[in-house]
Each structure stands twice: as structure tokens, then as C-alpha cells.
Amino acid sequence: MGVILLGILGLFNKEYTIQYQVLEQDEIVDTDRVIIKAGDHMAARKKADTILRKQFGRTQYKIEWVQRF
């Protein structure tokens, strides 16, 4: 019960840095990073994808890498 409660409260989340490229007609116009708190690598990538899709649209960005520091 205690482990589930800690997981629900987000105490096991780690910070992941996601680097992405903004594309315009197949040309890279900007590269930036975003920091996401998530439980694992795939969850961080999914959260970043959702945020970037809302900001740039489906085909206007590309996630380069996800790394935990």
C-alpha cells in the first residue's frame, strides 16, 4: 500500500531532458530542450510528445533524444 501511495504522489518521478528539433519544410529551424518529470524513459517521451504536438502540430517537430540527469 505504501509503495502505491508514493507512486501516486509522484515521489518516484525523475527528471528527464528531451531534446527536440523544430522543422519547417524538412529543414531544421530550431533545436531546444524541455524538462519533464516522469516515472521512466518512455513515459517522459510520451509526455513530451503530447506537449510538443499541442505546441507545434504533428509533423513540425522531431524528438532527438531523452536523457535522465
PDB file of N, CA and C in Angstrom:
ATOM      1  N   MET A   1       0.823  -1.200   0.000  1.00  0.00           N
ATOM      2  CA  MET A   1       0.000   0.000   0.000  1.00  0.00           C
ATOM      3  C   MET A   1       0.860   1.254   0.000  1.00  0.00           C
ATOM      4  N   GLY A   2       1.952   1.238   0.799  1.00  0.00           N
ATOM      5  CA  GLY A   2       2.816   2.412   0.892  1.00  0.00           C
ATOM      6  C   GLY A   2       3.496   2.736  -0.425  1.00  0.00           C
ATOM      7  N   VAL A   3       3.960   1.701  -1.143  1.00  0.00           N
ATOM      8  CA  VAL A   3       4.624   1.924  -2.429  1.00  0.00           C
ATOM      9  C   VAL A   3       3.651   2.497  -3.445  1.00  0.00           C
ATOM     10  N   ILE A   4       2.451   1.994  -3.467  1.00  0.00           N
ATOM     11  CA  ILE A   4       1.435   2.504  -4.393  1.00  0.00           C
ATOM     12  C   ILE A   4       1.125   3.958  -4.072  1.00  0.00           C
ATOM     13  N   LEU A   5       1.008   4.273  -2.796  1.00  0.00           N
ATOM     14  CA  LEU A   5       0.712   5.643  -2.388  1.00  0.00           C
ATOM     15  C   LEU A   5       1.837   6.591  -2.804  1.00  0.00           C
ATOM     16  N   LEU A   6       3.095   6.194  -2.614  1.00  0.00           N
ATOM     17  CA  LEU A   6       4.224   7.030  -3.029  1.00  0.00           C
ATOM     18  C   LEU A   6       4.239   7.221  -4.537  1.00  0.00           C
ATOM     19  N   GLY A   7       3.928   6.173  -5.283  1.00  0.00           N
ATOM     20  CA  GLY A   7       3.864   6.284  -6.739  1.00  0.00           C
ATOM     21  C   GLY A   7       2.775   7.235  -7.190  1.00  0.00           C
ATOM     22  N   ILE A   8       1.651   7.185  -6.531  1.00  0.00           N
ATOM     23  CA  ILE A   8       0.540   8.072  -6.873  1.00  0.00           C
ATOM     24  C   ILE A   8       0.910   9.524  -6.592  1.00  0.00           C
ATOM     25  N   LEU A   9       1.630   9.764  -5.532  1.00  0.00           N
ATOM     26  CA  LEU A   9       2.021  11.124  -5.176  1.00  0.00           C
ATOM     27  C   LEU A   9       3.140  11.665  -6.062  1.00  0.00           C
ATOM     28  N   GLY A  10       3.718  10.822  -6.889  1.00  0.00           N
ATOM     29  CA  GLY A  10       4.748  11.285  -7.815  1.00  0.00           C
ATOM     30  C   GLY A  10       6.136  11.351  -7.208  1.00  0.00           C
ATOM     31  N   LEU A  11       6.354  10.685  -6.099  1.00  0.00           N
ATOM     32  CA  LEU A  11       7.659  10.755  -5.445  1.00  0.00           C
ATOM     33  C   LEU A  11       8.717   9.917  -6.156  1.00  0.00           C
ATOM     34  N   PHE A  12       8.318   9.028  -7.038  1.00  0.00           N
ATOM     35  CA  PHE A  12       9.275   8.220  -7.780  1.00  0.00           C
ATOM     36  C   PHE A  12       9.586   8.816  -9.139  1.00  0.00           C
ATOM     37  N   ASN A  13       8.976   9.926  -9.489  1.00  0.00           N
ATOM     38  CA  ASN A  13       9.239  10.551 -10.779  1.00  0.00           C
ATOM     39  C   ASN A  13      10.642  11.126 -10.810  1.00  0.00           C
ATOM     40  N   LYS A  14      11.284  10.987 -11.963  1.00  0.00           N
ATOM     41  CA  LYS A  14      12.623  11.517 -12.170  1.00  0.00           C
ATOM     42  C   LYS A  14      12.539  12.583 -13.248  1.00  0.00           C
ATOM     43  N   GLU A  15      13.545  13.452 -13.300  1.00  0.00           N
ATOM     44  CA  GLU A  15      13.582  14.479 -14.336  1.00  0.00           C
ATOM     45  C   GLU A  15      14.285  13.930 -15.569  1.00  0.00           C
ATOM     46  N   TYR A  16      13.659  14.114 -16.710  1.00  0.00           N
ATOM     47  CA  TYR A  16      14.232  13.725 -17.993  1.00  0.00           C
ATOM     48  C   TYR A  16      14.344  14.967 -18.863  1.00  0.00           C
ATOM     49  N   THR A  17      15.447  15.077 -19.577  1.00  0.00           N
ATOM     50  CA  THR A  17      15.628  16.169 -20.528  1.00  0.00           C
ATOM     51  C   THR A  17      15.372  15.611 -21.918  1.00  0.00           C
ATOM     52  N   ILE A  18      14.513  16.262 -22.662  1.00  0.00           N
ATOM     53  CA  ILE A  18      14.164  15.835 -24.015  1.00  0.00           C
ATOM     54  C   ILE A  18      14.630  16.916 -24.977  1.00  0.00           C
ATOM     55  N   GLN A  19      15.469  16.533 -25.923  1.00  0.00           N
ATOM     56  CA  GLN A  19      15.897  17.490 -26.949  1.00  0.00           C
ATOM     57  C   GLN A  19      15.074  17.237 -28.199  1.00  0.00           C
ATOM     58  N   TYR A  20      14.582  18.321 -28.788  1.00  0.00           N
ATOM     59  CA  TYR A  20      13.763  18.196 -29.990  1.00  0.00           C
ATOM     60  C   TYR A  20      14.170  19.233 -31.018  1.00  0.00           C
ATOM     61  N   GLN A  21      13.825  18.956 -32.270  1.00  0.00           N
ATOM     62  CA  GLN A  21      14.084  19.873 -33.378  1.00  0.00           C
ATOM     63  C   GLN A  21      12.754  20.346 -33.941  1.00  0.00           C
ATOM     64  N   VAL A  22      12.688  21.633 -34.252  1.00  0.00           N
ATOM     65  CA  VAL A  22      11.518  22.191 -34.915  1.00  0.00           C
ATOM     66  C   VAL A  22      11.831  22.218 -36.403  1.00  0.00           C
ATOM     67  N   LEU A  23      10.938  21.658 -37.212  1.00  0.00           N
ATOM     68  CA  LEU A  23      11.157  21.533 -38.651  1.00  0.00           C
ATOM     69  C   LEU A  23      10.209  22.436 -39.424  1.00  0.00           C
ATOM     70  N   GLU A  24      10.719  22.959 -40.515  1.00  0.00           N
ATOM     71  CA  GLU A  24       9.891  23.737 -41.433  1.00  0.00           C
ATOM     72  C   GLU A  24      10.272  23.312 -42.848  1.00  0.00           C
ATOM     73  N   GLN A  25       9.383  22.625 -43.523  1.00  0.00           N
ATOM     74  CA  GLN A  25       9.615  22.090 -44.869  1.00  0.00           C
ATOM     75  C   GLN A  25      10.899  21.262 -44.906  1.00  0.00           C
ATOM     76  N   ASP A  26      11.014  20.285 -44.003  1.00  0.00           N
ATOM     77  CA  ASP A  26      12.146  19.364 -43.891  1.00  0.00           C
ATOM     78  C   ASP A  26      13.467  20.050 -43.576  1.00  0.00           C
ATOM     79  N   GLU A  27      13.433  21.272 -43.093  1.00  0.00           N
ATOM     80  CA  GLU A  27      14.640  21.989 -42.699  1.00  0.00           C
ATOM     81  C   GLU A  27      14.555  22.295 -41.204  1.00  0.00           C
ATOM     82  N   ILE A  28      15.634  22.051 -40.495  1.00  0.00           N
ATOM     83  CA  ILE A  28      15.669  22.319 -39.062  1.00  0.00           C
ATOM     84  C   ILE A  28      15.811  23.822 -38.847  1.00  0.00           C
ATOM     85  N   VAL A  29      14.839  24.414 -38.156  1.00  0.00           N
ATOM     86  CA  VAL A  29      14.879  25.853 -37.906  1.00  0.00           C
ATOM     87  C   VAL A  29      15.206  26.173 -36.444  1.00  0.00           C
ATOM     88  N   ASP A  30      15.080  25.200 -35.547  1.00  0.00           N
ATOM     89  CA  ASP A  30      15.383  25.440 -34.141  1.00  0.00           C
ATOM     90  C   ASP A  30      15.598  24.109 -33.437  1.00  0.00           C
ATOM     91  N   THR A  31      16.466  24.113 -32.444  1.00  0.00           N
ATOM     92  CA  THR A  31      16.674  22.959 -31.576  1.00  0.00           C
ATOM     93  C   THR A  31      16.544  23.450 -30.151  1.00  0.00           C
ATOM     94  N   ASP A  32      15.786  22.734 -29.340  1.00  0.00           N
ATOM     95  CA  ASP A  32      15.566  23.170 -27.966  1.00  0.00           C
ATOM     96  C   ASP A  32      15.404  21.945 -27.077  1.00  0.00           C
ATOM     97  N   ARG A  33      15.364  22.181 -25.775  1.00  0.00           N
ATOM     98  CA  ARG A  33      15.182  21.103 -24.805  1.00  0.00           C
ATOM     99  C   ARG A  33      14.035  21.447 -23.866  1.00  0.00           C
ATOM    100  N   VAL A  34      13.401  20.405 -23.356  1.00  0.00           N
ATOM    101  CA  VAL A  34      12.334  20.563 -22.369  1.00  0.00           C
ATOM    102  C   VAL A  34      12.593  19.543 -21.257  1.00  0.00           C
ATOM    103  N   ILE A  35      12.312  19.924 -20.021  1.00  0.00           N
ATOM    104  CA  ILE A  35      12.499  19.029 -18.878  1.00  0.00           C
ATOM    105  C   ILE A  35      11.129  18.525 -18.443  1.00  0.00           C
ATOM    106  N   ILE A  36      11.024  17.197 -18.320  1.00  0.00           N
ATOM    107  CA  ILE A  36       9.767  16.527 -17.982  1.00  0.00           C
ATOM    108  C   ILE A  36      10.001  15.648 -16.756  1.00  0.00           C
ATOM    109  N   LYS A  37       9.058  15.617 -15.838  1.00  0.00           N
ATOM    110  CA  LYS A  37       9.107  14.672 -14.719  1.00  0.00           C
ATOM    111  C   LYS A  37       8.233  13.481 -15.078  1.00  0.00           C
ATOM    112  N   ALA A  38       8.834  12.290 -14.989  1.00  0.00           N
ATOM    113  CA  ALA A  38       8.094  11.072 -15.331  1.00  0.00           C
ATOM    114  C   ALA A  38       8.709   9.887 -14.593  1.00  0.00           C
ATOM    115  N   GLY A  39       7.985   8.795 -14.594  1.00  0.00           N
ATOM    116  CA  GLY A  39       8.437   7.591 -13.916  1.00  0.00           C
ATOM    117  C   GLY A  39       9.511   6.835 -14.663  1.00  0.00           C
ATOM    118  N   ASP A  40       9.491   6.888 -15.999  1.00  0.00           N
ATOM    119  CA  ASP A  40      10.512   6.202 -16.786  1.00  0.00           C
ATOM    120  C   ASP A  40      10.710   6.907 -18.131  1.00  0.00           C
ATOM    121  N   HIS A  41      11.644   6.368 -18.901  1.00  0.00           N
ATOM    122  CA  HIS A  41      12.051   6.949 -20.180  1.00  0.00           C
ATOM    123  C   HIS A  41      10.883   7.066 -21.159  1.00  0.00           C
ATOM    124  N   MET A  42      10.107   6.005 -21.290  1.00  0.00           N
ATOM    125  CA  MET A  42       9.004   6.004 -22.256  1.00  0.00           C
ATOM    126  C   MET A  42       7.883   6.963 -21.834  1.00  0.00           C
ATOM    127  N   ALA A  43       7.608   7.041 -20.550  1.00  0.00           N
ATOM    128  CA  ALA A  43       6.581   7.975 -20.071  1.00  0.00           C
ATOM    129  C   ALA A  43       7.014   9.416 -20.319  1.00  0.00           C
ATOM    130  N   ALA A  44       8.300   9.697 -20.133  1.00  0.00           N
ATOM    131  CA  ALA A  44       8.820  11.047 -20.391  1.00  0.00           C
ATOM    132  C   ALA A  44       8.687  11.397 -21.862  1.00  0.00           C
ATOM    133  N   ARG A  45       9.012  10.441 -22.736  1.00  0.00           N
ATOM    134  CA  ARG A  45       8.910  10.676 -24.180  1.00  0.00           C
ATOM    135  C   ARG A  45       7.454  10.928 -24.583  1.00  0.00           C
ATOM    136  N   LYS A  46       6.545  10.151 -24.005  1.00  0.00           N
ATOM    137  CA  LYS A  46       5.124  10.304 -24.331  1.00  0.00           C
ATOM    138  C   LYS A  46       4.594  11.661 -23.860  1.00  0.00           C
ATOM    139  N   LYS A  47       4.980  12.083 -22.640  1.00  0.00           N
ATOM    140  CA  LYS A  47       4.551  13.390 -22.136  1.00  0.00           C
ATOM    141  C   LYS A  47       5.098  14.509 -23.016  1.00  0.00           C
ATOM    142  N   ALA A  48       6.379  14.398 -23.388  1.00  0.00           N
ATOM    143  CA  ALA A  48       6.987  15.420 -24.247  1.00  0.00           C
ATOM    144  C   ALA A  48       6.299  15.452 -25.604  1.00  0.00           C
ATOM    145  N   ASP A  49       5.985  14.290 -26.152  1.00  0.00           N
ATOM    146  CA  ASP A  49       5.309  14.222 -27.447  1.00  0.00           C
ATOM    147  C   ASP A  49       3.952  14.921 -27.384  1.00  0.00           C
ATOM    148  N   THR A  50       3.216  14.708 -26.304  1.00  0.00           N
ATOM    149  CA  THR A  50       1.912  15.356 -26.138  1.00  0.00           C
ATOM    150  C   THR A  50       2.056  16.874 -26.061  1.00  0.00           C
ATOM    151  N   ILE A  51       3.016  17.338 -25.287  1.00  0.00           N
ATOM    152  CA  ILE A  51       3.241  18.785 -25.148  1.00  0.00           C
ATOM    153  C   ILE A  51       3.659  19.399 -26.479  1.00  0.00           C
ATOM    154  N   LEU A  52       4.602  18.760 -27.166  1.00  0.00           N
ATOM    155  CA  LEU A  52       5.101  19.302 -28.434  1.00  0.00           C
ATOM    156  C   LEU A  52       4.040  19.256 -29.528  1.00  0.00           C
ATOM    157  N   ARG A  53       3.206  18.217 -29.527  1.00  0.00           N
ATOM    158  CA  ARG A  53       2.138  18.123 -30.524  1.00  0.00           C
ATOM    159  C   ARG A  53       1.152  19.276 -30.369  1.00  0.00           C
ATOM    160  N   LYS A  54       0.839  19.626 -29.115  1.00  0.00           N
ATOM    161  CA  LYS A  54      -0.061  20.761 -28.875  1.00  0.00           C
ATOM    162  C   LYS A  54       0.572  22.073 -29.328  1.00  0.00           C
ATOM    163  N   GLN A  55       1.879  22.198 -29.132  1.00  0.00           N
ATOM    164  CA  GLN A  55       2.556  23.451 -29.452  1.00  0.00           C
ATOM    165  C   GLN A  55       2.882  23.597 -30.937  1.00  0.00           C
ATOM    166  N   PHE A  56       3.354  22.523 -31.581  1.00  0.00           N
ATOM    167  CA  PHE A  56       3.860  22.626 -32.944  1.00  0.00           C
ATOM    168  C   PHE A  56       3.039  21.895 -33.996  1.00  0.00           C
ATOM    169  N   GLY A  57       2.157  21.020 -33.629  1.00  0.00           N
ATOM    170  CA  GLY A  57       1.446  20.214 -34.608  1.00  0.00           C
ATOM    171  C   GLY A  57       2.171  18.894 -34.826  1.00  0.00           C
ATOM    172  N   ARG A  58       1.508  17.978 -35.475  1.00  0.00           N
ATOM    173  CA  ARG A  58       2.009  16.601 -35.577  1.00  0.00           C
ATOM    174  C   ARG A  58       3.321  16.468 -36.353  1.00  0.00           C
ATOM    175  N   THR A  59       3.512  17.218 -37.415  1.00  0.00           N
ATOM    176  CA  THR A  59       4.667  16.964 -38.285  1.00  0.00           C
ATOM    177  C   THR A  59       5.728  18.058 -38.230  1.00  0.00           C
ATOM    178  N   GLN A  60       5.645  18.970 -37.292  1.00  0.00           N
ATOM    179  CA  GLN A  60       6.567  20.096 -37.296  1.00  0.00           C
ATOM    180  C   GLN A  60       7.672  19.999 -36.255  1.00  0.00           C
ATOM    181  N   TYR A  61       7.855  18.855 -35.636  1.00  0.00           N
ATOM    182  CA  TYR A  61       8.936  18.682 -34.677  1.00  0.00           C
ATOM    183  C   TYR A  61       9.401  17.229 -34.700  1.00  0.00           C
ATOM    184  N   LYS A  62      10.600  17.002 -34.155  1.00  0.00           N
ATOM    185  CA  LYS A  62      11.140  15.651 -34.066  1.00  0.00           C
ATOM    186  C   LYS A  62      11.916  15.542 -32.759  1.00  0.00           C
ATOM    187  N   ILE A  63      11.591  14.544 -31.943  1.00  0.00           N
ATOM    188  CA  ILE A  63      12.322  14.322 -30.700  1.00  0.00           C
ATOM    189  C   ILE A  63      13.632  13.627 -31.051  1.00  0.00           C
ATOM    190  N   GLU A  64      14.754  14.232 -30.644  1.00  0.00           N
ATOM    191  CA  GLU A  64      16.069  13.660 -30.927  1.00  0.00           C
ATOM    192  C   GLU A  64      16.474  12.632 -29.881  1.00  0.00           C
ATOM    193  N   TRP A  65      16.417  13.022 -28.618  1.00  0.00           N
ATOM    194  CA  TRP A  65      16.803  12.099 -27.560  1.00  0.00           C
ATOM    195  C   TRP A  65      16.139  12.455 -26.241  1.00  0.00           C
ATOM    196  N   VAL A  66      16.121  11.445 -25.342  1.00  0.00           N
ATOM    197  CA  VAL A  66      15.594  11.593 -23.985  1.00  0.00           C
ATOM    198  C   VAL A  66      16.686  11.090 -23.051  1.00  0.00           C
ATOM    199  N   GLN A  67      17.017  11.891 -22.032  1.00  0.00           N
ATOM    200  CA  GLN A  67      18.092  11.505 -21.129  1.00  0.00           C
ATOM    201  C   GLN A  67      17.742  11.904 -19.707  1.00  0.00           C
ATOM    202  N   ARG A  68      18.110  11.051 -18.772  1.00  0.00           N
ATOM    203  CA  ARG A  68      17.867  11.352 -17.360  1.00  0.00           C
ATOM    204  C   ARG A  68      19.152  11.881 -16.745  1.00  0.00           C
ATOM    205  N   PHE A  69      19.036  12.970 -16.020  1.00  0.00           N
ATOM    206  CA  PHE A  69      20.205  13.556 -15.341  1.00  0.00           C
ATOM    207  C   PHE A  69      20.069  13.418 -13.854  1.00  0.00           C
TER     208      PHE A  69
END
